[in-house]
């Protein structure tokens, strides 16, 4: 899948400051957050009986909050522990580095 850079106006791209030495690491953080969001969404979809290929449009924090609600409702203490011990702390650390909604069609 390729994104056309012609869809982004040059003035927008030119106004974005960047440090070339950080771009690869920032890309890794964004990709890891995307994979985490996809995994959380898969868990949410299992609660609702949806396929894991169901599209999602939740932010990472929103997805974690949705999972917490469903885990509470369905008595999934293991998922509540995961939200507390890993999900929220990871989301906070990610937000300290980069904050964006990633979208992969």
Protein backbone atom coordinates (compact mmCIF):
# COMPACT_ATOMS: atom_id res chain seq x y z
CA UNK A 1 0.00 0.00 0.00
CA UNK A 2 1.39 3.39 -0.97
CA UNK A 3 0.37 6.86 0.08
CA UNK A 4 0.62 9.47 -2.60
CA UNK A 5 2.68 12.38 -1.41
CA UNK A 6 0.93 14.53 -4.01
CA UNK A 7 -2.15 14.46 -1.79
CA UNK A 8 -0.29 16.48 0.88
CA UNK A 9 0.26 20.12 -0.06
CA UNK A 10 3.92 21.10 -0.26
CA UNK A 11 3.40 23.97 2.15
CA UNK A 12 2.18 21.52 4.81
CA UNK A 13 5.16 19.22 4.35
CA UNK A 14 7.63 22.10 4.27
CA UNK A 15 6.29 23.53 7.52
CA UNK A 16 6.87 20.31 9.46
CA UNK A 17 10.17 20.51 11.34
CA UNK A 18 12.00 17.24 11.57
CA UNK A 19 15.29 15.80 12.68
CA UNK A 20 16.32 13.13 10.16
CA UNK A 21 18.15 11.25 12.92
CA UNK A 22 14.85 10.75 14.79
CA UNK A 23 12.52 9.86 11.93
CA UNK A 24 13.21 6.11 11.93
CA UNK A 25 12.72 5.87 15.72
CA UNK A 26 9.54 7.96 15.59
CA UNK A 27 8.30 5.69 12.83
CA UNK A 28 8.93 2.67 15.05
CA UNK A 29 6.95 4.26 17.90
CA UNK A 30 4.07 5.06 15.52
CA UNK A 31 4.12 1.52 14.11
CA UNK A 32 4.21 -0.06 17.59
CA UNK A 33 1.26 2.12 18.66
CA UNK A 34 -0.63 1.05 15.54
CA UNK A 35 0.00 -2.62 16.28
CA UNK A 36 -1.05 -2.14 19.91
CA UNK A 37 -4.23 -0.36 18.78
CA UNK A 38 -4.97 -3.21 16.36
CA UNK A 39 -4.48 -5.79 19.12
CA UNK A 40 -6.74 -3.93 21.52
CA UNK A 41 -9.35 -3.56 18.77
CA UNK A 42 -9.15 -7.31 18.11
CA UNK A 43 -9.96 -7.90 21.79
CA UNK A 44 -12.86 -5.45 21.59
CA UNK A 45 -14.15 -7.20 18.47
CA UNK A 46 -14.03 -10.57 20.23
CA UNK A 47 -16.29 -9.19 22.96
CA UNK A 48 -18.81 -8.15 20.32
CA UNK A 49 -18.37 -11.23 18.12
CA UNK A 50 -16.96 -9.20 15.23
CA UNK A 51 -14.18 -10.32 12.97
CA UNK A 52 -10.64 -9.23 13.77
CA UNK A 53 -10.55 -7.64 10.31
CA UNK A 54 -13.28 -5.18 11.31
CA UNK A 55 -12.04 -1.62 10.62
CA UNK A 56 -11.45 0.60 13.62
CA UNK A 57 -11.30 4.33 14.09
CA UNK A 58 -10.56 4.59 17.80
CA UNK A 59 -7.58 6.38 19.21
CA UNK A 60 -5.29 4.18 21.26
CA UNK A 61 -6.58 5.71 24.51
CA UNK A 62 -10.18 5.34 23.34
CA UNK A 63 -9.64 1.71 22.40
CA UNK A 64 -8.10 0.95 25.80
CA UNK A 65 -11.06 2.67 27.53
CA UNK A 66 -13.52 0.66 25.40
CA UNK A 67 -11.72 -2.57 26.26
CA UNK A 68 -11.79 -1.66 29.95
CA UNK A 69 -15.57 -1.10 29.79
CA UNK A 70 -16.18 -4.40 28.00
CA UNK A 71 -13.82 -6.30 30.30
CA UNK A 72 -15.65 -4.92 33.33
CA UNK A 73 -19.04 -5.78 31.85
CA UNK A 74 -17.96 -9.32 30.91
CA UNK A 75 -15.97 -10.14 34.05
CA UNK A 76 -12.57 -10.34 32.35
CA UNK A 77 -10.24 -9.62 35.27
CA UNK A 78 -7.24 -10.60 33.12
CA UNK A 79 -8.03 -7.84 30.65
CA UNK A 80 -8.64 -5.32 33.42
CA UNK A 81 -5.22 -6.20 34.85
CA UNK A 82 -3.68 -5.75 31.39
CA UNK A 83 -5.32 -2.33 30.99
CA UNK A 84 -4.01 -1.22 34.39
CA UNK A 85 -0.53 -2.74 34.19
CA UNK A 86 0.32 -2.40 30.50
CA UNK A 87 -2.30 -0.70 28.33
CA UNK A 88 -2.63 2.67 30.05
CA UNK A 89 1.07 3.00 30.98
CA UNK A 90 2.10 2.16 27.41
CA UNK A 91 -0.38 4.65 25.99
CA UNK A 92 0.93 7.39 28.31
CA UNK A 93 4.53 6.66 27.31
CA UNK A 94 3.60 6.70 23.63
CA UNK A 95 1.75 9.99 24.06
CA UNK A 96 4.84 11.50 25.66
CA UNK A 97 6.75 10.79 22.44
CA UNK A 98 4.21 11.08 19.67
CA UNK A 99 0.50 11.74 19.67
CA UNK A 100 -1.46 10.97 16.55
CA UNK A 101 -4.24 8.78 15.25
CA UNK A 102 -2.69 6.25 12.92
CA UNK A 103 -4.87 4.82 10.20
CA UNK A 104 -4.13 1.80 8.07
CA UNK A 105 -6.89 0.92 5.60
